[in-house]
Each structure stands twice: as structure tokens, then as C-alpha cells.
Amino acid sequence: MNFCQIRSYDNYIQANLQLNLLKDNGINCHLKDEHIVTIDPFLSPAVGGIKLMVLEADWNRAETVLDETEEAYIQSLPCPFCGAKTLEKRAHVKPSGWGKRIIARLRGIDESIFSAEVVCKSCHNKVNDLHQFS
């Protein structure tokens, strides 16, 4: 049974919520490095955070469940600027600088930078902190 990482978290509460969401959907998964990060949060960057590991065969289904749940949550929130419930997550893939791109091609890897932002479709303002709704 091969497990692969699907997400990484700094916060054990969020990690466990996502873990239980996947388990409730019948997906075989577990958390890796949860105890290390919980006991000493300063080690989180060194170990790569709390890793949500899923069975390789369940990876696509787990990705779908996590993405759909996050999308439904974002759409349920009102925009803090205009109050409309029209928030959406936009993903961006930006290639790294030309020097890193050359080195990456020589190594045969992709050095792109992934980022995501939440934007209101009504007023076009960017929402920086979704935790303000908690």
C-alpha cells in the first residue's frame, strides 16, 4: 500500500478536520508528522508541516472531495467589502525567474510557483484572510 501526500498543514485542527472529512467519504488516509508539529510548532517548516497522506489509489477522489468542500465553504462566505456571496478561488501558476528555469530544464524538473487567491466576483476585491469569518 503506497501512500502519497495530498496536503500539508501548520495547524493540527485543520489537518484533523480534513482527515476526518476524507475518512467519512471512505478514503484511506492518515496524518504524518502530526505529533512533531503539535509538540514543537517551530519544527513545522523543517519537517514540511503536518502531511495528509492518502492511499495512492484514492488520490483523485480525495483531491475532488477536498476541492469541492473548500469551494463550497468559500462560496458560503459573504465578501467583507460588498457583502455578496460571490467569492471564488483563483489559482495562478507563475514560472520562476529565467536563471531558475534554465537550471530546472537541465535537471528535468518544473520550477513553477503556484499561488491561489480568493476574489469577489461582484466587487473584484481580493480577500486576504478567510479566517476573519470564523
Protein backbone atom coordinates (compact mmCIF):
# COMPACT_ATOMS: atom_id res chain seq x y z
CA MET A 1 0.00 0.00 0.00
CA ASN A 2 1.58 3.24 -1.18
CA PHE A 3 0.54 6.49 0.46
CA CYS A 4 1.26 9.90 -1.05
CA GLN A 5 0.97 13.43 0.34
CA ILE A 6 -2.06 15.40 -0.80
CA ARG A 7 -1.92 18.43 1.55
CA SER A 8 0.28 19.98 4.23
CA TYR A 9 -0.85 21.99 7.28
CA ASP A 10 0.66 24.15 10.03
CA ASN A 11 -2.41 23.70 12.22
CA TYR A 12 -3.36 20.28 13.65
CA ILE A 13 -7.05 21.28 13.94
CA GLN A 14 -7.38 21.96 10.22
CA ALA A 15 -5.37 18.82 9.44
CA ASN A 16 -7.70 16.66 11.55
CA LEU A 17 -10.82 18.24 10.06
CA GLN A 18 -9.61 17.40 6.56
CA LEU A 19 -8.53 13.91 7.68
CA ASN A 20 -11.98 13.16 9.10
CA LEU A 21 -13.68 14.57 6.02
CA LEU A 22 -11.78 12.09 3.86
CA LYS A 23 -12.38 9.20 6.27
CA ASP A 24 -16.11 10.00 6.29
CA ASN A 25 -16.01 9.63 2.49
CA GLY A 26 -14.39 6.19 2.76
CA ILE A 27 -10.90 7.29 1.76
CA ASN A 28 -7.95 5.51 3.37
CA CYS A 29 -5.71 8.23 4.85
CA HIS A 30 -3.60 9.27 7.83
CA LEU A 31 -1.56 12.20 9.15
CA LYS A 32 2.24 12.16 9.12
CA ASP A 33 4.38 14.29 11.48
CA GLU A 34 1.31 15.45 13.42
CA HIS A 35 2.90 14.82 16.82
CA ILE A 36 6.18 16.55 15.97
CA VAL A 37 4.46 19.73 14.77
CA THR A 38 1.91 19.72 17.62
CA ILE A 39 4.60 19.38 20.31
CA ASP A 40 7.00 21.89 18.73
CA PRO A 41 5.35 24.16 16.10
CA PHE A 42 8.73 25.75 15.30
CA LEU A 43 9.75 22.45 13.67
CA SER A 44 6.88 22.70 11.15
CA PRO A 45 8.98 24.34 8.40
CA ALA A 46 11.80 21.84 8.97
CA VAL A 47 9.61 18.75 8.54
CA GLY A 48 7.23 20.25 5.97
CA GLY A 49 4.23 20.61 8.27
CA ILE A 50 1.60 18.02 9.11
CA LYS A 51 1.16 15.92 5.99
CA LEU A 52 -2.19 14.47 4.95
CA MET A 53 -1.34 11.15 3.34
CA VAL A 54 -3.83 9.22 1.17
CA LEU A 55 -3.69 5.83 -0.46
CA GLU A 56 -2.34 6.27 -3.96
CA ALA A 57 -5.42 4.60 -5.46
CA ASP A 58 -7.71 7.10 -3.65
CA TRP A 59 -5.70 10.23 -4.54
CA ASN A 60 -8.01 11.54 -7.32
CA ARG A 61 -11.15 11.00 -5.27
CA ALA A 62 -9.55 12.64 -2.20
CA GLU A 63 -8.46 15.65 -4.27
CA THR A 64 -12.02 16.03 -5.59
CA VAL A 65 -13.57 15.81 -2.10
CA LEU A 66 -11.14 18.37 -0.64
CA ASP A 67 -11.51 20.79 -3.57
CA GLU A 68 -15.32 20.58 -3.63
CA THR A 69 -15.54 21.10 0.14
CA GLU A 70 -13.21 24.12 0.01
CA GLU A 71 -15.13 25.60 -2.92
CA ALA A 72 -18.48 25.15 -1.12
CA TYR A 73 -17.04 26.80 2.01
CA ILE A 74 -15.68 29.78 0.06
CA GLN A 75 -18.97 30.26 -1.78
CA SER A 76 -20.89 30.28 1.52
CA LEU A 77 -18.93 33.30 2.81
CA PRO A 78 -20.00 36.90 2.21
CA CYS A 79 -17.48 39.32 0.75
CA PRO A 80 -16.16 41.54 3.57
CA PHE A 81 -16.25 44.54 1.22
CA CYS A 82 -19.66 44.32 -0.51
CA GLY A 83 -21.47 41.51 1.36
CA ALA A 84 -22.23 39.46 -1.78
CA LYS A 85 -21.75 35.69 -1.60
CA THR A 86 -19.75 35.60 -4.82
CA LEU A 87 -16.27 34.66 -3.63
CA GLU A 88 -14.17 32.36 -5.78
CA LYS A 89 -10.71 30.86 -5.55
CA ARG A 90 -8.37 31.65 -8.43
CA ALA A 91 -5.18 29.66 -8.93
CA HIS A 92 -2.11 31.02 -10.66
CA VAL A 93 0.98 29.23 -11.91
CA LYS A 94 3.88 31.57 -12.46
CA PRO A 95 7.16 30.39 -13.92
CA SER A 96 10.19 31.21 -11.81
CA GLY A 97 12.96 33.55 -13.00
CA TRP A 98 14.94 32.81 -16.17
CA GLY A 99 18.01 31.51 -14.29
CA LYS A 100 15.99 29.04 -12.26
CA ARG A 101 14.10 27.96 -15.40
CA ILE A 102 17.35 27.10 -17.17
CA ILE A 103 18.63 25.10 -14.19
CA ALA A 104 15.25 23.39 -13.84
CA ARG A 105 15.25 22.35 -17.51
CA LEU A 106 18.75 20.94 -17.15
CA ARG A 107 17.57 18.95 -14.13
CA GLY A 108 14.35 17.93 -15.86
CA ILE A 109 12.03 19.41 -13.24
CA ASP A 110 9.40 22.15 -13.14
CA GLU A 111 10.27 25.23 -11.09
CA SER A 112 6.89 26.97 -11.33
CA ILE A 113 5.43 28.90 -8.41
CA PHE A 114 1.81 28.09 -7.51
CA SER A 115 -0.36 30.63 -5.74
CA ALA A 116 -4.04 30.98 -5.06
CA GLU A 117 -6.21 33.91 -4.06
CA VAL A 118 -9.85 34.44 -3.15
CA VAL A 119 -11.56 37.20 -5.13
CA CYS A 120 -15.10 38.60 -5.05
CA LYS A 121 -16.75 38.32 -8.47
CA SER A 122 -19.02 41.29 -7.67
CA CYS A 123 -16.61 43.97 -6.47
CA HIS A 124 -13.34 42.33 -7.65
CA ASN A 125 -11.60 42.87 -4.29
CA LYS A 126 -9.12 40.28 -3.04
CA VAL A 127 -9.88 38.64 0.32
CA ASN A 128 -6.60 38.03 2.12
CA ASP A 129 -7.78 36.30 5.28
CA LEU A 130 -10.58 33.73 5.23
CA HIS A 131 -10.09 33.16 8.96
CA GLN A 132 -11.73 36.54 9.68
CA PHE A 133 -15.09 34.78 9.15
CA SER A 134 -14.51 32.28 11.95
